[in-house]
Amino acid sequence: MSETEDRTGGPGLVITIYVIVVLLTASIGFIIGAIGPQGLDPELFGVVQLPPTPVGMAIYGGTTIGSLLGVLLIGVVYVANRYDDAEPET
């Protein structure tokens, strides 16, 4: 297997997509915060009050999606490592 194949497939690709999605979400949060619609009240995990500023909204969006996708990713890695692809013996 060449070095190019290692970077374009498997865990590296999944982590790259994860980072891109989290950064995109943070960017969209920043844009929404810059527009500043009325009634924004970001509350991180229902506990931490964040200001409805561009930075606060970016933190809210990135952290929320990053946490959700991170938990799902950890679950997928756990299941993938626990169950082997080998055929069952008969």
N, C-alpha and C. Protein backbone atom coordinates (compact mmCIF):
# COMPACT_ATOMS: atom_id res chain seq x y z
N MET A 1 0.85 -1.17 0.00
CA MET A 1 0.00 0.00 0.00
C MET A 1 0.90 1.23 0.00
N SER A 2 0.56 2.18 -0.84
CA SER A 2 1.39 3.38 -0.94
C SER A 2 0.98 4.43 0.08
N GLU A 3 1.81 5.44 0.20
CA GLU A 3 1.55 6.52 1.16
C GLU A 3 0.30 7.31 0.79
N THR A 4 0.01 7.43 -0.50
CA THR A 4 -1.17 8.16 -0.96
C THR A 4 -2.44 7.44 -0.53
N GLU A 5 -2.46 6.11 -0.62
CA GLU A 5 -3.65 5.36 -0.23
C GLU A 5 -3.92 5.50 1.26
N ASP A 6 -2.89 5.59 2.09
CA ASP A 6 -3.07 5.74 3.52
C ASP A 6 -3.74 7.06 3.87
N ARG A 7 -3.45 8.11 3.13
CA ARG A 7 -4.01 9.42 3.46
C ARG A 7 -5.41 9.62 2.91
N THR A 8 -5.81 8.84 1.92
CA THR A 8 -7.11 9.07 1.29
C THR A 8 -8.18 8.08 1.71
N GLY A 9 -7.90 7.21 2.62
CA GLY A 9 -8.90 6.24 3.02
C GLY A 9 -8.80 5.91 4.50
N GLY A 10 -9.82 5.23 4.98
CA GLY A 10 -9.80 4.76 6.35
C GLY A 10 -9.98 5.85 7.38
N PRO A 11 -9.34 5.65 8.54
CA PRO A 11 -9.52 6.58 9.66
C PRO A 11 -9.08 8.02 9.34
N GLY A 12 -8.06 8.18 8.54
CA GLY A 12 -7.60 9.53 8.20
C GLY A 12 -8.66 10.32 7.46
N LEU A 13 -9.38 9.67 6.57
CA LEU A 13 -10.45 10.32 5.82
C LEU A 13 -11.60 10.70 6.74
N VAL A 14 -11.97 9.81 7.64
CA VAL A 14 -13.07 10.08 8.56
C VAL A 14 -12.73 11.25 9.48
N ILE A 15 -11.51 11.29 9.99
CA ILE A 15 -11.09 12.39 10.86
C ILE A 15 -11.05 13.71 10.08
N THR A 16 -10.59 13.66 8.84
CA THR A 16 -10.57 14.87 8.01
C THR A 16 -11.98 15.40 7.78
N ILE A 17 -12.91 14.52 7.46
CA ILE A 17 -14.31 14.94 7.27
C ILE A 17 -14.88 15.49 8.57
N TYR A 18 -14.57 14.86 9.69
CA TYR A 18 -15.03 15.33 11.01
C TYR A 18 -14.55 16.75 11.27
N VAL A 19 -13.26 17.00 11.05
CA VAL A 19 -12.70 18.34 11.28
C VAL A 19 -13.34 19.37 10.34
N ILE A 20 -13.53 19.00 9.08
CA ILE A 20 -14.14 19.92 8.12
C ILE A 20 -15.57 20.28 8.54
N VAL A 21 -16.34 19.29 8.98
CA VAL A 21 -17.73 19.54 9.40
C VAL A 21 -17.77 20.45 10.62
N VAL A 22 -16.89 20.20 11.59
CA VAL A 22 -16.86 21.03 12.81
C VAL A 22 -16.44 22.47 12.47
N LEU A 23 -15.43 22.63 11.62
CA LEU A 23 -15.01 23.98 11.23
C LEU A 23 -16.10 24.69 10.42
N LEU A 24 -16.79 23.97 9.55
CA LEU A 24 -17.88 24.56 8.78
C LEU A 24 -19.01 25.02 9.70
N THR A 25 -19.33 24.20 10.69
CA THR A 25 -20.38 24.56 11.64
C THR A 25 -19.99 25.78 12.46
N ALA A 26 -18.73 25.84 12.90
CA ALA A 26 -18.26 27.01 13.64
C ALA A 26 -18.31 28.26 12.76
N SER A 27 -17.97 28.12 11.49
CA SER A 27 -18.02 29.26 10.57
C SER A 27 -19.44 29.76 10.38
N ILE A 28 -20.37 28.84 10.23
CA ILE A 28 -21.78 29.22 10.07
C ILE A 28 -22.28 29.89 11.35
N GLY A 29 -21.87 29.38 12.51
CA GLY A 29 -22.24 30.02 13.77
C GLY A 29 -21.70 31.44 13.85
N PHE A 30 -20.47 31.64 13.39
CA PHE A 30 -19.88 32.97 13.37
C PHE A 30 -20.69 33.91 12.48
N ILE A 31 -21.09 33.42 11.32
CA ILE A 31 -21.88 34.24 10.39
C ILE A 31 -23.24 34.59 11.00
N ILE A 32 -23.89 33.62 11.63
CA ILE A 32 -25.18 33.88 12.27
C ILE A 32 -25.02 34.90 13.39
N GLY A 33 -23.94 34.76 14.16
CA GLY A 33 -23.68 35.73 15.23
C GLY A 33 -23.41 37.13 14.69
N ALA A 34 -22.76 37.20 13.53
CA ALA A 34 -22.48 38.50 12.92
C ALA A 34 -23.76 39.16 12.41
N ILE A 35 -24.67 38.34 11.90
CA ILE A 35 -25.96 38.88 11.43
C ILE A 35 -26.77 39.37 12.63
N GLY A 36 -26.71 38.62 13.71
CA GLY A 36 -27.33 39.04 14.97
C GLY A 36 -28.84 39.09 14.99
N PRO A 37 -29.53 38.00 14.61
CA PRO A 37 -30.99 38.03 14.70
C PRO A 37 -31.45 38.13 16.16
N GLN A 38 -32.62 38.65 16.36
CA GLN A 38 -33.17 38.81 17.71
C GLN A 38 -33.48 37.45 18.32
N GLY A 39 -33.34 37.34 19.61
CA GLY A 39 -33.73 36.13 20.31
C GLY A 39 -32.67 35.06 20.41
N LEU A 40 -31.44 35.37 20.03
CA LEU A 40 -30.37 34.37 20.17
C LEU A 40 -30.01 34.23 21.64
N ASP A 41 -30.01 33.02 22.12
CA ASP A 41 -29.64 32.75 23.50
C ASP A 41 -28.90 31.42 23.55
N PRO A 42 -27.65 31.37 23.03
CA PRO A 42 -26.93 30.10 23.00
C PRO A 42 -26.57 29.63 24.40
N GLU A 43 -26.90 28.38 24.68
CA GLU A 43 -26.64 27.78 25.98
C GLU A 43 -25.96 26.44 25.73
N LEU A 44 -24.69 26.36 26.01
CA LEU A 44 -23.88 25.18 25.72
C LEU A 44 -24.22 24.06 26.69
N PHE A 45 -24.72 22.94 26.16
CA PHE A 45 -25.13 21.77 26.92
C PHE A 45 -26.18 22.10 27.98
N GLY A 46 -26.93 23.16 27.78
CA GLY A 46 -27.97 23.55 28.71
C GLY A 46 -27.44 24.11 30.02
N VAL A 47 -26.16 24.41 30.10
CA VAL A 47 -25.55 24.85 31.35
C VAL A 47 -24.80 26.17 31.20
N VAL A 48 -23.95 26.27 30.20
CA VAL A 48 -23.06 27.42 30.04
C VAL A 48 -23.71 28.45 29.11
N GLN A 49 -23.98 29.63 29.64
CA GLN A 49 -24.52 30.72 28.84
C GLN A 49 -23.40 31.34 28.01
N LEU A 50 -23.62 31.46 26.71
CA LEU A 50 -22.65 32.10 25.82
C LEU A 50 -23.26 33.40 25.29
N PRO A 51 -22.41 34.38 25.04
CA PRO A 51 -22.94 35.63 24.49
C PRO A 51 -23.36 35.42 23.03
N PRO A 52 -24.40 36.10 22.58
CA PRO A 52 -24.84 35.95 21.19
C PRO A 52 -23.99 36.77 20.22
N THR A 53 -22.68 36.70 20.38
CA THR A 53 -21.73 37.38 19.51
C THR A 53 -21.23 36.38 18.46
N PRO A 54 -20.53 36.84 17.44
CA PRO A 54 -19.99 35.90 16.45
C PRO A 54 -19.10 34.82 17.08
N VAL A 55 -18.24 35.19 18.01
CA VAL A 55 -17.36 34.20 18.64
C VAL A 55 -18.16 33.23 19.50
N GLY A 56 -19.11 33.74 20.26
CA GLY A 56 -19.95 32.89 21.09
C GLY A 56 -20.74 31.88 20.27
N MET A 57 -21.28 32.33 19.16
CA MET A 57 -22.04 31.43 18.29
C MET A 57 -21.13 30.42 17.60
N ALA A 58 -19.92 30.82 17.25
CA ALA A 58 -18.96 29.89 16.65
C ALA A 58 -18.57 28.80 17.65
N ILE A 59 -18.34 29.19 18.89
CA ILE A 59 -18.02 28.21 19.95
C ILE A 59 -19.20 27.27 20.15
N TYR A 60 -20.39 27.83 20.20
CA TYR A 60 -21.60 27.02 20.40
C TYR A 60 -21.76 25.99 19.28
N GLY A 61 -21.70 26.45 18.03
CA GLY A 61 -21.89 25.54 16.89
C GLY A 61 -20.81 24.49 16.79
N GLY A 62 -19.55 24.89 16.91
CA GLY A 62 -18.46 23.94 16.80
C GLY A 62 -18.44 22.92 17.92
N THR A 63 -18.68 23.37 19.14
CA THR A 63 -18.66 22.47 20.29
C THR A 63 -19.84 21.51 20.27
N THR A 64 -21.01 22.00 19.92
CA THR A 64 -22.20 21.15 19.90
C THR A 64 -22.07 20.04 18.85
N ILE A 65 -21.76 20.41 17.63
CA ILE A 65 -21.63 19.41 16.56
C ILE A 65 -20.41 18.53 16.79
N GLY A 66 -19.31 19.13 17.26
CA GLY A 66 -18.11 18.34 17.53
C GLY A 66 -18.35 17.28 18.59
N SER A 67 -19.10 17.63 19.63
CA SER A 67 -19.41 16.67 20.69
C SER A 67 -20.32 15.56 20.18
N LEU A 68 -21.38 15.94 19.48
CA LEU A 68 -22.33 14.96 18.97
C LEU A 68 -21.65 13.99 18.01
N LEU A 69 -20.95 14.53 17.02
CA LEU A 69 -20.28 13.66 16.05
C LEU A 69 -19.14 12.89 16.69
N GLY A 70 -18.48 13.48 17.68
CA GLY A 70 -17.39 12.79 18.37
C GLY A 70 -17.88 11.57 19.10
N VAL A 71 -19.02 11.68 19.78
CA VAL A 71 -19.60 10.53 20.49
C VAL A 71 -19.98 9.44 19.48
N LEU A 72 -20.59 9.83 18.38
CA LEU A 72 -20.95 8.85 17.35
C LEU A 72 -19.71 8.19 16.76
N LEU A 73 -18.67 8.96 16.52
CA LEU A 73 -17.42 8.44 15.97
C LEU A 73 -16.77 7.46 16.94
N ILE A 74 -16.77 7.77 18.22
CA ILE A 74 -16.21 6.86 19.22
C ILE A 74 -17.02 5.55 19.24
N GLY A 75 -18.34 5.66 19.11
CA GLY A 75 -19.17 4.46 19.06
C GLY A 75 -18.86 3.59 17.85
N VAL A 76 -18.67 4.21 16.71
CA VAL A 76 -18.34 3.46 15.49
C VAL A 76 -16.98 2.79 15.63
N VAL A 77 -16.00 3.49 16.17
CA VAL A 77 -14.67 2.90 16.37
C VAL A 77 -14.75 1.73 17.34
N TYR A 78 -15.52 1.87 18.41
CA TYR A 78 -15.68 0.79 19.39
C TYR A 78 -16.28 -0.45 18.74
N VAL A 79 -17.36 -0.26 17.99
CA VAL A 79 -18.02 -1.40 17.34
C VAL A 79 -17.10 -2.01 16.29
N ALA A 80 -16.40 -1.18 15.52
CA ALA A 80 -15.51 -1.70 14.49
C ALA A 80 -14.37 -2.50 15.09
N ASN A 81 -13.86 -2.09 16.23
CA ASN A 81 -12.77 -2.83 16.86
C ASN A 81 -13.26 -4.07 17.59
N ARG A 82 -14.49 -4.04 18.05
CA ARG A 82 -15.02 -5.18 18.82
C ARG A 82 -15.44 -6.34 17.94
N TYR A 83 -16.02 -6.04 16.81
CA TYR A 83 -16.50 -7.09 15.92
C TYR A 83 -15.58 -7.21 14.72
N ASP A 84 -15.02 -8.37 14.57
CA ASP A 84 -14.08 -8.63 13.48
C ASP A 84 -14.85 -8.92 12.19
N ASP A 85 -14.21 -8.68 11.05
CA ASP A 85 -14.83 -8.96 9.76
C ASP A 85 -14.70 -10.43 9.35
N ALA A 86 -14.03 -11.21 10.14
CA ALA A 86 -13.82 -12.61 9.80
C ALA A 86 -15.15 -13.37 9.78
N GLU A 87 -15.22 -14.37 8.90
CA GLU A 87 -16.42 -15.18 8.81
C GLU A 87 -16.50 -16.11 10.00
N PRO A 88 -17.69 -16.35 10.51
CA PRO A 88 -17.82 -17.26 11.67
C PRO A 88 -17.47 -18.70 11.26
N GLU A 89 -16.90 -19.41 12.22
CA GLU A 89 -16.55 -20.80 11.97
C GLU A 89 -17.79 -21.66 12.07
N THR A 90 -17.86 -22.67 11.21
CA THR A 90 -19.02 -23.56 11.25
C THR A 90 -18.67 -24.92 11.77
